Protein backbone atom coordinates (compact mmCIF):
# COMPACT_ATOMS: atom_id res chain seq x y z
CA MET A 1 -3.05 -16.54 23.78
CA PRO A 2 -6.77 -16.24 22.38
CA PRO A 3 -7.90 -13.14 20.36
CA LEU A 4 -9.35 -10.45 22.58
CA PRO A 5 -13.39 -10.20 22.16
CA LEU A 6 -13.20 -6.50 22.46
CA LEU A 7 -16.74 -6.05 21.17
CA ALA A 8 -19.48 -8.46 20.71
CA ALA A 9 -19.35 -9.95 17.32
CA THR A 10 -22.80 -8.53 16.13
CA GLU A 11 -23.61 -7.99 12.45
CA PRO A 12 -23.57 -4.13 12.62
CA VAL A 13 -20.21 -4.16 14.54
CA VAL A 14 -18.58 -6.50 12.36
CA THR A 15 -19.85 -4.68 9.31
CA LEU A 16 -18.58 -1.21 10.64
CA PHE A 17 -15.11 -2.70 11.36
CA ALA A 18 -14.83 -4.55 8.10
CA PHE A 19 -15.38 -1.11 6.48
CA ILE A 20 -12.72 0.34 8.82
CA THR A 21 -10.27 -2.38 7.98
CA LEU A 22 -10.71 -1.71 4.49
CA LEU A 23 -8.91 1.64 5.11
CA GLY A 24 -5.89 -0.47 5.62
CA ASP A 25 -6.12 -2.88 2.74
CA ALA A 26 -3.02 -2.87 0.28
CA TRP A 27 -5.20 -2.01 -2.68
CA PHE A 28 -7.12 0.92 -1.21
CA LEU A 29 -3.73 2.32 0.23
CA LEU A 30 -2.20 2.11 -3.38
CA VAL A 31 -5.52 3.64 -4.99
CA GLY A 32 -5.55 6.43 -2.67
CA LEU A 33 -1.66 7.12 -3.06
CA SER A 34 -1.94 6.91 -6.83
CA ILE A 35 -4.95 9.49 -6.54
CA CYS A 36 -2.79 11.69 -4.30
CA TYR A 37 0.13 11.38 -6.79
CA TRP A 38 -2.09 12.22 -9.89
CA ILE A 39 -3.63 15.47 -8.46
CA GLY A 40 -0.67 16.46 -6.59
CA PRO A 41 0.07 19.84 -8.38
CA ARG A 42 -3.45 20.89 -7.19
CA LEU A 43 -2.70 20.23 -3.72
CA GLY A 44 0.86 21.76 -3.09
CA ASP A 45 4.11 21.97 -4.87
CA ASP A 46 5.56 18.96 -2.90
CA THR A 47 2.68 16.70 -2.86
CA ARG A 48 3.46 14.46 -5.83
CA ALA A 49 7.06 13.86 -4.84
CA VAL A 50 5.81 13.03 -1.23
CA ALA A 51 3.01 10.57 -2.74
CA ALA A 52 5.70 8.86 -4.92
CA THR A 53 7.96 8.60 -1.96
CA VAL A 54 5.12 7.22 0.27
CA ILE A 55 4.25 4.74 -2.52
CA GLY A 56 7.90 3.57 -1.98
CA VAL A 57 7.24 3.39 1.78
CA ALA A 58 4.10 1.19 1.15
CA THR A 59 6.22 -1.11 -1.00
CA LEU A 60 8.96 -1.21 1.44
CA ALA A 61 6.20 -1.98 4.26
CA LEU A 62 4.59 -4.81 2.29
CA ALA A 63 8.06 -6.30 1.68
CA ALA A 64 9.10 -6.17 5.15
CA VAL A 65 5.88 -7.61 6.30
CA LEU A 66 6.13 -10.38 3.96
CA ALA A 67 9.73 -11.26 4.91
CA LEU A 68 8.81 -11.30 8.64
CA LYS A 69 5.65 -13.26 8.11
CA SER A 70 7.48 -15.92 6.04
CA TYR A 71 10.28 -16.07 8.77
CA THR A 72 8.01 -16.42 11.58
CA ALA A 73 5.33 -18.32 10.03
CA ILE A 74 2.95 -17.79 13.03
CA PRO A 75 -0.56 -18.93 12.06
CA ARG A 76 -3.50 -16.54 12.63
CA PRO A 77 -5.30 -16.83 15.98
CA PRO A 78 -8.30 -19.12 16.14
CA ALA A 79 -11.25 -16.77 15.78
CA THR A 80 -14.82 -17.20 17.09
CA PRO A 81 -16.94 -17.87 14.02
CA ILE A 82 -18.81 -14.81 12.97
CA THR A 83 -21.91 -15.08 10.64
CA THR A 84 -22.75 -12.82 7.85
CA ASP A 85 -26.11 -14.62 7.12
CA GLY A 86 -28.20 -11.68 8.01
CA LEU A 87 -26.52 -9.15 5.81
CA PRO A 88 -27.36 -8.41 2.01
CA GLY A 89 -25.52 -10.55 -0.49
CA VAL A 90 -22.86 -8.16 -1.62
CA LEU A 91 -22.42 -6.84 1.82
CA ALA A 92 -21.98 -10.39 3.21
CA SER A 93 -19.50 -11.10 0.52
CA PHE A 94 -17.34 -7.97 1.36
CA VAL A 95 -17.53 -8.46 5.05
CA ALA A 96 -16.63 -12.33 4.53
CA GLY A 97 -13.49 -11.21 2.52
CA GLU A 98 -12.29 -8.87 5.52
CA LEU A 99 -12.89 -11.65 7.74
CA ASP A 100 -10.42 -13.81 5.77
CA SER A 101 -7.97 -15.48 8.34
CA THR A 102 -5.73 -17.35 5.94
CA GLY A 103 -2.02 -16.80 5.80
CA PHE A 104 0.36 -15.88 8.63
CA SER A 105 -0.20 -13.48 11.54
CA PHE A 106 2.89 -11.69 12.69
CA PRO A 107 3.22 -8.79 12.22
CA SER A 108 -0.06 -7.23 11.15
CA GLY A 109 0.22 -6.17 7.58
CA HIS A 110 -2.78 -3.52 7.92
CA ALA A 111 -1.14 -1.97 11.02
CA THR A 112 2.22 -1.93 9.33
CA GLY A 113 0.90 -0.46 6.12
CA ALA A 114 -1.48 1.89 7.61
CA THR A 115 1.40 3.32 9.87
CA ALA A 116 3.85 3.53 6.93
CA VAL A 117 1.26 5.16 4.79
CA TYR A 118 -0.93 7.59 6.68
CA GLY A 119 2.23 8.27 9.12
CA GLY A 120 4.35 8.85 6.09
CA LEU A 121 1.91 11.37 4.61
CA ALA A 122 1.50 13.17 7.98
CA ALA A 123 5.44 13.20 8.29
CA LEU A 124 6.38 14.45 4.71
CA LEU A 125 3.39 16.56 3.46
CA ALA A 126 3.27 20.19 4.04
CA VAL A 127 -0.52 20.76 3.65
CA SER A 128 -2.51 21.87 6.89
CA ARG A 129 -0.92 21.91 10.28
CA ARG A 130 1.59 19.38 11.45
CA ARG A 131 -0.24 18.60 14.60
CA THR A 132 -3.64 17.99 12.57
CA ARG A 133 -1.76 15.84 10.37
CA TYR A 134 -0.54 13.55 12.94
CA LEU A 135 -3.74 13.59 14.97
CA VAL A 136 -5.64 12.28 11.75
CA ALA A 137 -3.10 9.76 10.92
CA ALA A 138 -3.01 8.50 14.56
CA ALA A 139 -6.74 8.24 14.52
CA LEU A 140 -6.64 6.16 11.35
CA ILE A 141 -3.97 3.92 12.44
CA GLY A 142 -5.47 3.38 15.70
CA LEU A 143 -8.90 2.45 14.32
CA ILE A 144 -7.47 0.21 11.63
CA SER A 145 -5.26 -1.53 14.11
CA LEU A 146 -8.36 -1.90 16.31
CA SER A 147 -10.40 -3.35 13.61
CA ARG A 148 -7.95 -6.28 13.27
CA LEU A 149 -8.68 -7.21 16.90
CA VAL A 150 -12.21 -6.82 16.76
CA LEU A 151 -12.44 -9.02 13.68
CA GLU A 152 -10.22 -11.40 15.42
CA VAL A 153 -7.72 -12.03 12.64
CA HIS A 154 -4.83 -10.67 14.74
CA LEU A 155 -3.52 -10.70 18.52
CA PRO A 156 -2.46 -7.36 20.33
CA ARG A 157 1.10 -8.32 19.60
CA ASP A 158 0.66 -8.36 15.90
CA VAL A 159 -0.84 -4.97 15.46
CA LEU A 160 1.77 -3.51 18.05
CA ALA A 161 4.56 -4.87 16.13
CA GLY A 162 2.95 -3.76 12.93
CA ILE A 163 2.65 -0.21 14.22
CA ALA A 164 6.32 -0.13 15.47
CA LEU A 165 7.60 -1.50 12.23
CA GLY A 166 5.80 1.14 10.28
CA ALA A 167 7.11 3.75 12.34
CA LEU A 168 10.70 2.28 11.92
CA LEU A 169 10.16 2.30 8.07
CA ILE A 170 9.09 6.00 8.00
CA VAL A 171 12.40 6.91 9.93
CA VAL A 172 14.31 4.84 7.39
CA ALA A 173 12.62 6.14 4.31
CA ARG A 174 13.00 9.64 5.46
CA ARG A 175 16.67 9.22 5.82
CA LEU A 176 16.99 7.65 2.48
CA ALA A 177 14.73 10.15 0.53
CA ASP A 178 15.52 13.75 2.27
CA THR A 179 18.43 15.33 0.29
CA GLY A 180 17.68 18.79 1.63
CA SER A 181 16.15 20.03 -1.59
CA THR A 182 14.05 17.27 -3.12
CA LEU A 183 12.75 13.86 -2.12
CA ARG A 184 14.52 10.94 -3.76
CA ALA A 185 11.68 8.48 -3.99
CA ASP A 186 13.96 6.17 -6.13
CA ARG A 187 16.14 5.45 -2.99
CA VAL A 188 12.94 4.35 -1.23
CA PHE A 189 11.97 2.06 -3.96
CA LEU A 190 15.42 0.66 -4.09
CA CYS A 191 15.40 -0.22 -0.52
CA ALA A 192 12.08 -1.94 -0.97
CA GLY A 193 13.72 -3.99 -3.72
CA VAL A 194 16.22 -5.17 -1.56
CA VAL A 195 13.95 -6.22 1.37
CA SER A 196 11.50 -7.86 -1.23
CA LEU A 197 14.73 -10.03 -2.35
CA VAL A 198 15.26 -10.86 1.24
CA GLY A 199 11.64 -11.81 1.54
CA LEU A 200 11.79 -13.88 -1.64
CA GLY A 201 14.64 -15.99 -0.50
CA ILE A 202 12.94 -16.45 2.96
CA ALA A 203 9.52 -17.40 1.30
CA PHE A 204 11.12 -19.72 -1.24
CA ALA A 205 13.21 -21.36 1.57
CA GLY A 206 10.06 -21.96 3.60
CA GLY A 207 8.03 -23.41 0.68
CA HIS A 208 5.59 -20.59 0.83
CA THR A 209 4.28 -20.50 -2.59
CA GLU A 210 1.82 -17.39 -2.14
CA GLU A 211 4.44 -15.30 -0.41
CA VAL A 212 7.01 -16.17 -3.22
CA ARG A 213 4.63 -14.74 -5.59
CA HIS A 214 3.98 -11.58 -3.63
CA ALA A 215 7.64 -11.02 -2.97
CA THR A 216 8.17 -11.31 -6.69
CA ILE A 217 5.59 -8.59 -7.20
CA GLY A 218 7.37 -6.53 -4.69
CA VAL A 219 10.50 -6.95 -6.53
CA GLY A 220 8.82 -5.72 -9.75
CA THR A 221 7.15 -2.98 -8.27
CA ALA A 222 10.22 -1.69 -6.55
CA ALA A 223 12.46 -2.08 -9.88
CA GLY A 224 9.88 -0.08 -11.99
CA GLY A 225 9.46 2.57 -9.19
CA THR A 226 13.23 3.10 -8.84
CA ALA A 227 13.89 3.20 -12.66
CA MET A 228 10.91 5.48 -13.32
CA TRP A 229 11.83 8.04 -10.63
CA LEU A 230 15.54 7.72 -11.38
CA ARG A 231 15.01 8.69 -15.01
CA ALA A 232 12.23 11.08 -14.95
CA GLY A 233 11.72 12.25 -11.28
CA ASP A 234 12.22 15.79 -12.01
CA ARG A 235 9.66 15.78 -15.27
CA LEU A 236 7.38 13.80 -13.28
CA THR A 237 7.32 16.32 -10.33
CA ALA A 238 6.85 19.27 -12.95
CA ALA A 239 4.09 17.58 -14.99
CA PRO A 240 0.60 18.77 -14.79
CA ALA A 241 -2.20 17.11 -12.65
CA VAL A 242 -3.66 14.20 -14.29
CA SER A 243 -7.33 14.41 -15.83
CA LEU A 244 -10.04 12.11 -14.84
CA PRO A 245 -10.23 10.16 -18.18
CA VAL A 246 -6.37 9.61 -18.14
CA ALA A 247 -6.52 8.49 -14.35
CA VAL A 248 -9.61 6.13 -14.97
CA GLY A 249 -7.84 4.64 -17.79
CA GLY A 250 -4.44 4.21 -16.18
CA LEU A 251 -6.00 2.64 -13.08
CA ALA A 252 -7.82 0.35 -15.09
CA VAL A 253 -5.08 -0.95 -16.83
CA ALA A 254 -2.39 -0.89 -13.91
CA GLY A 255 -5.16 -2.36 -11.48
CA GLY A 256 -5.99 -5.23 -13.89
CA VAL A 257 -2.37 -6.10 -14.28
CA TRP A 258 -1.73 -6.11 -10.78
CA ILE A 259 -4.85 -8.06 -9.83
CA GLY A 260 -3.80 -10.63 -12.46
CA ALA A 261 -0.28 -10.82 -10.75
CA TYR A 262 -1.63 -11.26 -7.29
CA GLU A 263 -4.08 -13.88 -8.35
CA GLY A 264 -1.31 -15.87 -9.96
CA VAL A 265 -2.71 -15.52 -13.48
CA PHE A 266 0.52 -14.81 -15.13
CA GLY A 267 2.94 -17.01 -13.33
CA LEU A 268 6.06 -15.72 -11.48
CA ALA A 269 7.51 -14.20 -14.56
CA GLY A 270 4.38 -12.64 -15.55
CA ALA A 271 3.98 -11.19 -11.98
CA LEU A 272 7.34 -9.76 -12.17
CA VAL A 273 6.80 -8.09 -15.53
CA GLY A 274 3.29 -7.14 -14.66
CA SER A 275 4.21 -5.53 -11.55
CA VAL A 276 6.86 -3.38 -13.24
CA VAL A 277 4.36 -2.41 -15.92
CA GLY A 278 1.72 -1.36 -13.16
CA VAL A 279 3.98 0.95 -11.23
CA VAL A 280 5.39 2.50 -14.40
CA ILE A 281 1.90 3.26 -15.74
CA ILE A 282 0.92 4.80 -12.26
CA LEU A 283 3.99 7.01 -11.90
CA GLY A 284 4.16 7.82 -15.72
CA LEU A 285 0.58 8.98 -16.14
CA PRO A 286 1.71 12.71 -15.46
CA LEU A 287 3.85 12.41 -18.56
CA ILE A 288 0.89 11.15 -20.79
CA GLU A 289 -1.18 14.18 -19.43
CA GLU A 290 1.70 16.47 -20.44
CA SER A 291 1.81 15.03 -23.80
CA ARG A 292 -1.92 15.42 -24.26
CA LYS A 293 -1.82 19.03 -23.19
CA LYS A 294 1.04 19.70 -25.81
CA ASP A 295 -1.00 18.05 -28.60
CA ARG A 296 -4.04 20.11 -27.88
CA SER A 297 -1.85 23.28 -27.65
CA ALA A 298 -0.28 22.45 -31.09
CA VAL A 299 -3.84 21.63 -32.76
CA ALA A 300 -5.12 25.15 -31.28
CA ALA A 301 -2.06 26.80 -32.55
């Protein structure tokens, strides 16, 4: 079944949908959730716990996608060649990166991740009206899923399966995390770790080297998130919003570690350790901010 040429593959259309598909990239979702987590107290009392839980849901979604892709090993659909020659250099490189058709196809990671993250935020956050949250989430999920078809890197079955999988994971995560009084993000991270281990076994058995590395990163991220929230969840929820200098520094270090892990710079053992360190930094920054404020108060006194 060939991909659906829903729109003519003109440079403006391709560029537009490359930017739309960016909203479902794993790194974009992680950075967005991290910022939401850091500034959580400024948005609402429950925002930080929700953001931490949805980071766990995102980790779970990526683990589930990796396991299914490794198991099915369905190649990407043959795509119509799309040229970026008429675009400026930096923009051409960005669009070409979003047109990458390597790896396996089923289910769509972008559709799954977008549904899990944007749908998870809509389901768990208390800001704004519930209907508004769901409408915004549905619009984002729909556009990101459509972008995967327009860019011809997925078939309709891939994105539909991704949306269904993401919705299922939200249901599972809510049942795991909701204790009636506070959200237990550690339970979601733990579930993500189990699914990552399953994916690791499937990828290893299939000889999928890149998927083995990504599953290892999933195991490390889940382990670090579980330990961090289990040990300090209450303190993290009560800690102040993270200031810009602390956030920039933390994002630079955690981002560098994760990029190195994904690119295979550190090897498998390094990817495991690096992903643990990365998520601990992301989740632990509020405690660093709290310590900075206490030090400033002590100096002022």
